[in-house]
């Protein structure tokens, strides 16, 4: 309904009416979760829009920017970190301070960071906005409101300024539907399917129940696959829906488990968040311009805050610090190799396989802390994984009999999708790379046969995926990144 009305209104009543409709539809979409919080996003937009207008002036611009950024951080801090701060103080001091349970508003991390980026861009005169309607659309555009990508004002509104955006485009509609249907399938079949193998392990560890080495590896690998397909599914669906409205969103997820090192991983995982942290935190801290010690300190600070952005808990903070440490080791290794005269651009096939394996193992260890409810349960899983607990190596207490065989089949199939196949954006042609298929042993004829095309056959295939995925939505299926 929102889609068809957008094009009809844009054709009959003009672009402004179509944008107003899209803003109202987006606010309705946001209010569906909890109508009480609609005022929060409205007040946030009004404040930041006013600050953006003030920053277009000539006086006290730096002071205004500071006020704007601090106000946004305070809003996010109250809703996301107030209880965490009070609980930490109570744990350290033995006090009994108490706050009413503060419910985290949906998408507050995303629309807050997006508006901070807008204020900084306005201060640097990279963008300006004199229409509140346009600004509201920039913030609330529902395909990317809930879990990103974090977009710049110019990236989106430049497209809404073009008349062709408001004219129905069959090519974009077909591509958008294809990407959306594949993303929905990934979510309800792959991410939710593998979740039934990861969740019991973390629940058992949280309850301090006995788990075996096999159980621990199933839980950690299962969650690694679950989060991968969960977040990539949402990223695909966001791009697909936006394309139906004629808007191309920035890529936010690009096969991160194919990364050959942690630096490469963060160029592929939540790419717009990495860009935000780099441009608005790492560079202002000094980046790599003030020596290696300062560079490594800046990396740790950036990744620590990146970890806390994902969740108000010490396990998230440790996950961020862990990845900061990974990045330091990675940069130091590259620095040493350059001193030895090595060419970092050259590598062998087996070298890349080994690098990907080591990188993936480091990522899996990090995900254990990311998922676990406490350090104790995370340490229990990790120590069991690496044989530091006196438990059975071959047995399993959580996945007996046929279920263990199902786990093997699931993990084997997901591994093929993750490491040997092109991702959805490559497969559909939304992004083009010279080498789409990783395996050179796949015959050219087979590649040509399965490559996505705008044909009746592929339309039928996409329709079937869409139908079976919708029919699968008979239970509550929450995206993991909604809680961040």
Protein backbone atom coordinates (compact mmCIF):
# COMPACT_ATOMS: atom_id res chain seq x y z
CA UNK A 1 0.00 0.00 0.00
CA UNK A 2 2.74 2.46 0.95
CA UNK A 3 4.60 1.65 -2.25
CA UNK A 4 1.68 2.06 -4.67
CA UNK A 5 0.44 5.21 -2.94
CA UNK A 6 3.93 6.73 -3.17
CA UNK A 7 4.01 6.45 -6.96
CA UNK A 8 0.36 7.44 -7.46
CA UNK A 9 0.69 10.52 -5.24
CA UNK A 10 4.00 11.46 -6.83
CA UNK A 11 2.45 11.34 -10.30
CA UNK A 12 -0.86 13.09 -9.54
CA UNK A 13 -0.10 15.51 -6.71
CA UNK A 14 3.64 16.14 -6.86
CA UNK A 15 6.81 15.03 -5.18
CA UNK A 16 6.25 16.83 -1.87
CA UNK A 17 2.95 15.04 -1.26
CA UNK A 18 4.59 11.71 -2.08
CA UNK A 19 7.38 12.43 0.40
CA UNK A 20 4.84 13.48 3.05
CA UNK A 21 3.04 10.18 2.54
CA UNK A 22 6.29 8.27 2.91
CA UNK A 23 7.12 10.11 6.16
CA UNK A 24 3.67 9.34 7.58
CA UNK A 25 3.97 5.70 6.52
CA UNK A 26 7.42 5.49 8.14
CA UNK A 27 6.17 7.02 11.40
CA UNK A 28 3.26 4.57 11.42
CA UNK A 29 5.75 1.75 10.88
CA UNK A 30 7.82 3.01 13.83
CA UNK A 31 4.79 3.54 16.07
CA UNK A 32 3.55 0.00 15.44
CA UNK A 33 6.17 -1.23 17.91
CA UNK A 34 5.22 1.23 20.68
CA UNK A 35 3.12 4.34 19.94
CA UNK A 36 4.36 6.01 23.14
CA UNK A 37 7.83 6.46 21.68
CA UNK A 38 6.71 8.29 18.55
CA UNK A 39 7.21 11.54 20.44
CA UNK A 40 10.85 10.67 21.05
CA UNK A 41 11.83 10.40 17.39
CA UNK A 42 9.74 13.49 16.55
CA UNK A 43 11.44 15.61 19.24
CA UNK A 44 14.83 14.27 18.19
CA UNK A 45 14.15 15.26 14.58
CA UNK A 46 12.89 18.74 15.51
CA UNK A 47 15.93 19.41 17.68
CA UNK A 48 18.48 18.21 15.15
CA UNK A 49 16.74 19.95 12.26
CA UNK A 50 16.88 23.22 14.22
CA UNK A 51 20.53 22.66 15.06
CA UNK A 52 21.25 21.97 11.40
CA UNK A 53 19.65 25.28 10.42
CA UNK A 54 21.64 27.10 13.09
CA UNK A 55 24.87 25.51 11.88
CA UNK A 56 24.31 27.07 8.45
CA UNK A 57 24.91 30.48 10.04
CA UNK A 58 28.24 32.18 10.62
CA UNK A 59 28.51 32.52 14.42
CA UNK A 60 29.35 30.12 17.28
CA UNK A 61 29.13 27.15 14.95
CA UNK A 62 31.56 24.99 16.92
CA UNK A 63 29.65 25.64 20.14
CA UNK A 64 26.37 24.72 18.46
CA UNK A 65 27.88 21.53 17.08
CA UNK A 66 29.12 20.57 20.54
CA UNK A 67 25.69 21.21 22.05
CA UNK A 68 24.00 19.19 19.34
CA UNK A 69 26.31 16.19 19.59
CA UNK A 70 26.26 16.16 23.41
CA UNK A 71 22.45 16.37 23.47
CA UNK A 72 22.17 13.39 21.13
CA UNK A 73 24.66 11.36 23.15
CA UNK A 74 22.84 12.22 26.39
CA UNK A 75 19.53 11.05 24.93
CA UNK A 76 21.07 7.79 23.78
CA UNK A 77 22.95 7.45 27.07
CA UNK A 78 19.83 7.81 29.18
CA UNK A 79 17.74 5.23 27.36
CA UNK A 80 20.51 2.76 26.61
CA UNK A 81 23.04 3.08 29.43
CA UNK A 82 21.36 4.57 32.52
CA UNK A 83 20.41 1.21 34.04
CA UNK A 84 23.81 -0.22 33.10
CA UNK A 85 25.58 2.69 34.83
CA UNK A 86 23.46 2.43 37.99
CA UNK A 87 23.90 -1.35 38.19
CA UNK A 88 27.67 -0.97 37.77
CA UNK A 89 27.83 1.62 40.56
CA UNK A 90 25.80 -0.68 42.80
CA UNK A 91 28.08 -3.63 42.06
CA UNK A 92 31.25 -1.62 42.76
CA UNK A 93 30.11 0.34 45.82
CA UNK A 94 27.50 -1.99 47.30
CA UNK A 95 24.91 0.77 47.04
CA UNK A 96 21.26 0.12 46.20
CA UNK A 97 20.40 2.88 43.75
CA UNK A 98 17.40 2.03 41.65
CA UNK A 99 15.89 3.29 38.41
CA UNK A 100 12.62 2.27 36.90
CA UNK A 101 13.19 -0.22 34.11
CA UNK A 102 13.89 1.91 31.04
CA UNK A 103 12.65 0.33 27.82
CA UNK A 104 15.10 0.85 24.96
CA UNK A 105 13.29 2.70 22.14
CA UNK A 106 13.40 0.96 18.80
CA UNK A 107 16.27 2.04 16.51
CA UNK A 108 17.47 4.82 18.83
CA UNK A 109 21.12 3.92 18.22
CA UNK A 110 20.68 4.14 14.45
CA UNK A 111 18.70 7.36 14.16
CA UNK A 112 20.89 9.04 16.79
CA UNK A 113 24.14 8.22 14.98
CA UNK A 114 22.60 9.20 11.66
CA UNK A 115 21.63 12.60 13.02
CA UNK A 116 25.03 13.14 14.65
CA UNK A 117 26.58 12.51 11.24
CA UNK A 118 24.17 15.06 9.76
CA UNK A 119 25.19 17.72 12.29
CA UNK A 120 28.88 17.16 11.62
CA UNK A 121 28.29 17.27 7.86
CA UNK A 122 26.29 20.48 8.28
CA UNK A 123 29.10 21.99 10.36
CA UNK A 124 31.60 21.08 7.65
CA UNK A 125 29.19 22.53 5.05
CA UNK A 126 28.95 19.23 3.24
CA UNK A 127 25.16 19.35 3.39
CA UNK A 128 22.26 21.55 4.42
CA UNK A 129 18.52 21.10 4.70
CA UNK A 130 15.89 23.86 4.81
CA UNK A 131 12.80 21.63 4.58
CA UNK A 132 11.66 19.80 7.69
CA UNK A 133 9.68 17.40 5.50
CA UNK A 134 12.83 16.40 3.63
CA UNK A 135 14.78 16.08 6.87
CA UNK A 136 12.05 13.91 8.42
CA UNK A 137 12.17 11.62 5.41
CA UNK A 138 15.95 11.38 5.72
CA UNK A 139 15.63 10.21 9.35
CA UNK A 140 12.52 8.04 9.20
CA UNK A 141 12.73 6.32 5.78
CA UNK A 142 11.46 2.99 7.04
CA UNK A 143 13.55 0.48 4.99
CA UNK A 144 16.68 1.57 6.86
CA UNK A 145 15.23 3.05 10.04
CA UNK A 146 15.30 -0.01 12.28
CA UNK A 147 18.76 -1.50 11.79
CA UNK A 148 20.59 0.64 9.25
CA UNK A 149 22.47 1.23 7.13
CA UNK A 150 23.55 4.53 8.69
CA UNK A 151 23.28 6.90 5.73
CA UNK A 152 24.51 10.41 5.06
CA UNK A 153 21.99 13.11 4.21
CA UNK A 154 23.42 13.59 0.74
CA UNK A 155 23.37 9.88 -0.07
CA UNK A 156 19.61 9.68 0.29
CA UNK A 157 18.16 13.13 -0.33
CA UNK A 158 20.13 13.65 -3.52
CA UNK A 159 18.14 10.73 -4.92
CA UNK A 160 14.80 12.09 -3.69
CA UNK A 161 15.59 15.36 -5.49
CA UNK A 162 15.53 13.58 -8.85
CA UNK A 163 12.17 13.40 -10.71
CA UNK A 164 12.86 9.85 -11.92
CA UNK A 165 12.73 8.60 -8.32
CA UNK A 166 8.98 9.26 -8.31
CA UNK A 167 8.39 7.44 -11.58
CA UNK A 168 7.78 3.71 -11.47
CA UNK A 169 10.86 1.83 -12.66
CA UNK A 170 10.22 -1.80 -13.59
CA UNK A 171 13.91 -2.71 -13.47
CA UNK A 172 14.40 -1.38 -9.94
CA UNK A 173 11.14 -2.96 -8.82
CA UNK A 174 12.14 -6.40 -10.13
CA UNK A 175 15.63 -6.16 -8.65
CA UNK A 176 14.27 -4.91 -5.34
CA UNK A 177 11.74 -7.74 -5.12
CA UNK A 178 14.45 -10.30 -5.90
CA UNK A 179 16.81 -8.98 -3.24
CA UNK A 180 14.01 -8.67 -0.69
CA UNK A 181 12.68 -12.20 -1.28
CA UNK A 182 16.17 -13.69 -0.95
CA UNK A 183 16.78 -11.71 2.23
CA UNK A 184 13.48 -12.82 3.75
CA UNK A 185 14.29 -16.43 2.90
CA UNK A 186 17.70 -16.12 4.57
CA UNK A 187 16.08 -14.79 7.71
CA UNK A 188 13.19 -17.20 8.25
CA UNK A 189 14.87 -20.36 6.95
CA UNK A 190 18.60 -19.97 7.51
CA UNK A 191 19.06 -17.61 10.47
CA UNK A 192 16.05 -18.88 12.41
CA UNK A 193 16.78 -22.46 11.35
CA UNK A 194 20.30 -22.54 12.76
CA UNK A 195 19.24 -20.63 15.90
CA UNK A 196 17.74 -23.81 17.36
CA UNK A 197 21.25 -25.24 17.59
CA UNK A 198 23.03 -22.22 19.08
CA UNK A 199 20.47 -21.05 21.64
CA UNK A 200 20.38 -24.22 23.80
CA UNK A 201 24.16 -24.13 24.27
CA UNK A 202 24.24 -20.54 25.53
CA UNK A 203 21.21 -21.19 27.75
CA UNK A 204 22.92 -24.23 29.24
CA UNK A 205 26.13 -22.27 29.84
CA UNK A 206 24.18 -19.46 31.47
CA UNK A 207 22.54 -21.99 33.79
CA UNK A 208 26.00 -23.48 34.54
CA UNK A 209 24.93 -26.83 33.14
CA UNK A 210 27.45 -29.33 31.80
CA UNK A 211 28.26 -29.11 28.09
CA UNK A 212 30.73 -31.07 26.00
CA UNK A 213 33.37 -29.93 23.54
CA UNK A 214 31.04 -30.75 20.65
CA UNK A 215 28.19 -28.83 22.28
CA UNK A 216 30.41 -25.79 22.77
CA UNK A 217 31.57 -25.76 19.16
CA UNK A 218 28.02 -26.23 17.88
CA UNK A 219 26.82 -23.30 19.98
CA UNK A 220 29.60 -20.92 18.97
CA UNK A 221 29.58 -21.82 15.27
CA UNK A 222 25.78 -21.90 15.22
CA UNK A 223 25.55 -18.38 16.63
CA UNK A 224 28.22 -17.17 14.21
CA UNK A 225 26.09 -18.44 11.31
CA UNK A 226 22.87 -17.20 12.87
CA UNK A 227 24.12 -13.65 13.31
CA UNK A 228 25.68 -13.66 9.83
CA UNK A 229 22.46 -14.64 8.07
CA UNK A 230 20.28 -12.55 10.39
CA UNK A 231 22.12 -9.30 9.75
CA UNK A 232 22.79 -9.97 6.09
CA UNK A 233 19.10 -10.80 5.63
CA UNK A 234 18.01 -7.47 7.09
CA UNK A 235 20.64 -5.63 5.03
CA UNK A 236 19.33 -7.32 1.87
CA UNK A 237 15.70 -6.58 2.71
CA UNK A 238 16.47 -2.93 3.46
CA UNK A 239 18.19 -2.52 0.10
CA UNK A 240 15.40 -4.43 -1.66
CA UNK A 241 12.55 -2.35 -0.21
CA UNK A 242 14.42 0.91 -0.82
CA UNK A 243 14.97 -0.10 -4.46
CA UNK A 244 11.23 -0.56 -4.86
CA UNK A 245 10.92 3.13 -3.94
CA UNK A 246 13.66 4.00 -6.42
CA UNK A 247 16.35 4.57 -3.75
CA UNK A 248 19.76 2.88 -3.69
CA UNK A 249 21.04 2.44 -0.14
CA UNK A 250 24.75 2.04 0.60
CA UNK A 251 26.01 -1.52 0.98
CA UNK A 252 26.25 -2.52 4.62
CA UNK A 253 27.31 -6.17 4.46
CA UNK A 254 29.74 -7.77 2.01
CA UNK A 255 30.58 -11.41 2.82
CA UNK A 256 32.58 -10.59 5.99
CA UNK A 257 33.53 -14.21 6.72
CA UNK A 258 35.53 -14.18 3.48
CA UNK A 259 37.82 -11.63 5.10
CA UNK A 260 41.50 -12.56 5.16
CA UNK A 261 42.20 -10.47 8.28
CA UNK A 262 40.37 -8.40 10.89
CA UNK A 263 40.98 -5.14 9.01
CA UNK A 264 39.27 -6.71 6.01
CA UNK A 265 36.45 -7.99 8.25
CA UNK A 266 35.59 -4.49 9.43
CA UNK A 267 35.54 -3.29 5.84
CA UNK A 268 32.82 -5.88 5.18
CA UNK A 269 30.77 -6.12 8.42
CA UNK A 270 28.30 -3.32 9.23
CA UNK A 271 30.16 -1.16 6.76
CA UNK A 272 28.27 2.08 7.46
CA UNK A 273 28.86 1.77 11.21
CA UNK A 274 32.57 1.19 10.53
CA UNK A 275 32.53 4.29 8.32
CA UNK A 276 30.81 6.33 11.05
CA UNK A 277 33.27 5.23 13.75
CA UNK A 278 36.21 5.93 11.43
CA UNK A 279 35.06 9.37 10.24
CA UNK A 280 33.50 10.74 13.43
CA UNK A 281 35.57 9.10 16.16
CA UNK A 282 38.82 7.53 14.97
CA UNK A 283 39.90 10.42 12.71
CA UNK A 284 38.96 13.17 15.21
CA UNK A 285 40.98 11.32 17.86
CA UNK A 286 43.99 11.63 15.57
CA UNK A 287 43.76 8.44 13.55
CA UNK A 288 47.22 7.23 12.58
CA UNK A 289 48.74 10.69 12.24
CA UNK A 290 50.44 10.88 15.64
CA UNK A 291 52.58 7.77 15.83
CA UNK A 292 51.96 4.08 16.35
CA UNK A 293 51.22 4.23 20.10
CA UNK A 294 48.58 6.92 19.60
CA UNK A 295 47.18 5.01 16.63
CA UNK A 296 46.74 1.85 18.67
CA UNK A 297 45.20 3.79 21.55
CA UNK A 298 42.71 5.37 19.14
CA UNK A 299 41.84 1.95 17.77
CA UNK A 300 41.12 0.61 21.26
CA UNK A 301 38.95 3.62 22.16
CA UNK A 302 37.04 3.41 18.89
CA UNK A 303 36.35 -0.30 19.15
CA UNK A 304 35.46 -0.06 22.85
CA UNK A 305 32.79 2.53 22.05
CA UNK A 306 31.74 0.44 19.05
CA UNK A 307 31.23 -2.51 21.39
CA UNK A 308 29.20 -0.44 23.86
CA UNK A 309 27.11 0.89 20.97
CA UNK A 310 25.94 -2.66 20.38
CA UNK A 311 24.81 -3.16 23.95
CA UNK A 312 24.99 -1.84 27.49
CA UNK A 313 27.04 -4.57 29.11
CA UNK A 314 30.61 -5.41 29.99
CA UNK A 315 30.62 -8.37 27.63
CA UNK A 316 29.92 -5.97 24.73
CA UNK A 317 32.68 -3.67 25.98
CA UNK A 318 35.09 -6.61 26.14
CA UNK A 319 34.05 -7.70 22.64
CA UNK A 320 34.91 -4.22 21.38
CA UNK A 321 38.26 -4.22 23.19
CA UNK A 322 38.98 -7.71 21.86
CA UNK A 323 38.47 -6.53 18.29
CA UNK A 324 40.55 -3.46 19.05
CA UNK A 325 43.33 -5.81 20.13
CA UNK A 326 42.83 -7.86 16.97
CA UNK A 327 43.20 -4.71 14.85
CA UNK A 328 46.36 -3.68 16.70
CA UNK A 329 47.95 -7.09 16.10
CA UNK A 330 46.87 -6.97 12.45
CA UNK A 331 48.31 -3.49 11.86
CA UNK A 332 51.53 -4.37 13.71
CA UNK A 333 51.90 -7.53 11.60
CA UNK A 334 51.45 -5.53 8.39
CA UNK A 335 53.96 -2.95 9.62
CA UNK A 336 56.54 -5.64 10.34
CA UNK A 337 56.03 -7.27 6.94
CA UNK A 338 56.49 -3.93 5.18
CA UNK A 339 59.76 -3.41 7.05
CA UNK A 340 60.86 -6.83 5.80
CA UNK A 341 60.02 -5.83 2.24
CA UNK A 342 57.05 -8.14 1.78
CA UNK A 343 54.40 -7.34 -0.82
CA UNK A 344 51.10 -7.37 1.08
CA UNK A 345 49.11 -7.50 -2.15
CA UNK A 346 50.50 -10.88 -3.17
CA UNK A 347 49.25 -14.12 -1.65
CA UNK A 348 48.86 -17.78 -2.51
CA UNK A 349 45.63 -19.77 -2.53
CA UNK A 350 46.64 -21.75 0.56
CA UNK A 351 47.81 -18.56 2.25
CA UNK A 352 44.36 -17.00 1.75
CA UNK A 353 42.62 -20.12 3.02
CA UNK A 354 44.80 -20.17 6.15
CA UNK A 355 44.29 -16.43 6.70
CA UNK A 356 40.52 -16.79 6.41
CA UNK A 357 40.52 -19.71 8.80
CA UNK A 358 42.52 -17.85 11.46
CA UNK A 359 40.39 -14.73 11.01
CA UNK A 360 37.15 -16.69 11.29
CA UNK A 361 38.33 -18.43 14.46
CA UNK A 362 39.15 -15.05 16.03
CA UNK A 363 35.70 -13.76 15.03
CA UNK A 364 33.95 -16.81 16.51
CA UNK A 365 35.75 -16.32 19.84
CA UNK A 366 34.56 -12.72 19.86
CA UNK A 367 30.96 -13.73 19.08
CA UNK A 368 30.90 -15.95 22.17
CA UNK A 369 31.36 -12.88 24.39
CA UNK A 370 28.95 -10.92 22.19
CA UNK A 371 26.19 -13.52 22.69
CA UNK A 372 26.81 -14.76 26.23
CA UNK A 373 24.84 -13.29 29.11
CA UNK A 374 27.90 -13.11 31.36
CA UNK A 375 31.65 -13.54 31.38
CA UNK A 376 31.24 -16.77 33.33
CA UNK A 377 29.08 -18.41 30.67
CA UNK A 378 31.30 -17.12 27.85
CA UNK A 379 34.43 -18.42 29.55
CA UNK A 380 32.73 -21.78 30.18
CA UNK A 381 31.93 -22.18 26.48
CA UNK A 382 35.39 -21.10 25.32
CA UNK A 383 37.29 -23.20 27.84
CA UNK A 384 35.18 -26.19 26.84
CA UNK A 385 35.76 -25.53 23.14
CA UNK A 386 39.51 -25.71 23.60
CA UNK A 387 39.55 -28.68 25.97
CA UNK A 388 40.33 -26.80 29.16
CA UNK A 389 37.38 -28.38 30.98
CA UNK A 390 37.29 -32.04 32.08
CA UNK A 391 34.43 -33.02 29.81
CA UNK A 392 33.77 -35.52 27.06
CA UNK A 393 35.28 -34.60 23.71
CA UNK A 394 33.22 -36.95 21.56
CA UNK A 395 29.90 -36.99 23.35
CA UNK A 396 27.06 -34.47 23.40
CA UNK A 397 24.43 -33.77 26.03
CA UNK A 398 22.30 -31.37 23.98
CA UNK A 399 22.20 -32.87 20.47
CA UNK A 400 21.77 -36.64 20.69
CA UNK A 401 21.28 -39.07 17.83
CA UNK A 402 19.80 -37.81 14.60
CA UNK A 403 19.95 -34.19 15.74
CA UNK A 404 23.75 -34.25 15.64
CA UNK A 405 23.58 -35.41 12.02
CA UNK A 406 21.21 -32.52 11.26
CA UNK A 407 23.70 -30.09 12.78
CA UNK A 408 26.43 -31.40 10.51
CA UNK A 409 24.23 -31.03 7.42
CA UNK A 410 23.21 -27.50 8.40
CA UNK A 411 26.76 -26.35 9.07
CA UNK A 412 28.06 -27.91 5.85
CA UNK A 413 25.35 -26.24 3.78
CA UNK A 414 25.79 -22.84 5.42
CA UNK A 415 29.56 -23.07 4.99
CA UNK A 416 29.11 -23.53 1.24
CA UNK A 417 26.87 -20.44 1.10
CA UNK A 418 29.24 -18.35 3.19
CA UNK A 419 32.60 -19.22 1.61
CA UNK A 420 31.97 -20.59 -1.89
CA UNK A 421 28.93 -18.75 -3.20
CA UNK A 422 28.44 -15.10 -4.15
CA UNK A 423 26.33 -13.08 -1.75
CA UNK A 424 22.86 -11.84 -2.70
CA UNK A 425 24.03 -8.40 -3.84
CA UNK A 426 26.68 -9.93 -6.10
CA UNK A 427 24.36 -12.63 -7.39
CA UNK A 428 21.61 -10.18 -8.35
CA UNK A 429 24.02 -7.64 -9.85
CA UNK A 430 23.36 -4.87 -7.29
CA UNK A 431 27.11 -4.79 -6.81
CA UNK A 432 29.52 -5.93 -9.50
CA UNK A 433 32.91 -7.46 -8.86
CA UNK A 434 35.35 -9.02 -11.28
CA UNK A 435 35.28 -12.35 -9.47
CA UNK A 436 31.79 -13.13 -8.22
CA UNK A 437 32.24 -16.86 -7.77
CA UNK A 438 35.01 -17.74 -5.37
CA UNK A 439 35.59 -21.24 -6.66
CA UNK A 440 37.36 -21.45 -10.01
CA UNK A 441 36.37 -25.12 -10.23
CA UNK A 442 32.74 -24.22 -10.94
CA UNK A 443 32.25 -24.56 -14.72
CA UNK A 444 31.50 -21.38 -16.63
CA UNK A 445 28.29 -22.92 -18.00
CA UNK A 446 27.01 -23.60 -14.49
CA UNK A 447 27.84 -20.05 -13.39
CA UNK A 448 25.92 -18.65 -16.35
CA UNK A 449 22.98 -20.95 -15.65
CA UNK A 450 22.48 -19.96 -12.01
CA UNK A 451 23.34 -16.25 -12.31
CA UNK A 452 20.29 -14.08 -11.62
CA UNK A 453 18.53 -12.59 -14.63
CA UNK A 454 15.33 -10.65 -15.21
CA UNK A 455 13.42 -13.56 -16.73
CA UNK A 456 10.07 -15.24 -16.15
CA UNK A 457 11.82 -18.28 -14.67
CA UNK A 458 13.65 -16.20 -12.07
CA UNK A 459 10.46 -14.24 -11.36
CA UNK A 460 8.67 -17.50 -10.58
CA UNK A 461 11.58 -18.65 -8.43
CA UNK A 462 11.51 -15.38 -6.47
CA UNK A 463 7.73 -15.62 -6.07
CA UNK A 464 8.01 -19.12 -4.64
CA UNK A 465 10.70 -17.98 -2.20
CA UNK A 466 8.54 -15.06 -1.11
CA UNK A 467 5.44 -17.22 -0.60
CA UNK A 468 7.14 -19.99 1.37
CA UNK A 469 8.99 -17.41 3.49
CA UNK A 470 5.77 -15.57 4.35
CA UNK A 471 4.06 -18.86 5.19
CA UNK A 472 6.99 -19.62 7.48
CA UNK A 473 6.28 -16.44 9.48
CA UNK A 474 3.93 -18.18 11.87
CA UNK A 475 6.00 -17.47 14.98
CA UNK A 476 7.76 -14.49 16.50
CA UNK A 477 11.02 -13.95 14.64
CA UNK A 478 13.03 -11.02 15.92
CA UNK A 479 16.07 -9.66 14.13
CA UNK A 480 19.09 -9.78 16.42
CA UNK A 481 20.24 -6.31 15.39
CA UNK A 482 16.95 -4.73 16.50
CA UNK A 483 18.20 -4.88 20.08
CA UNK A 484 21.35 -2.93 19.25
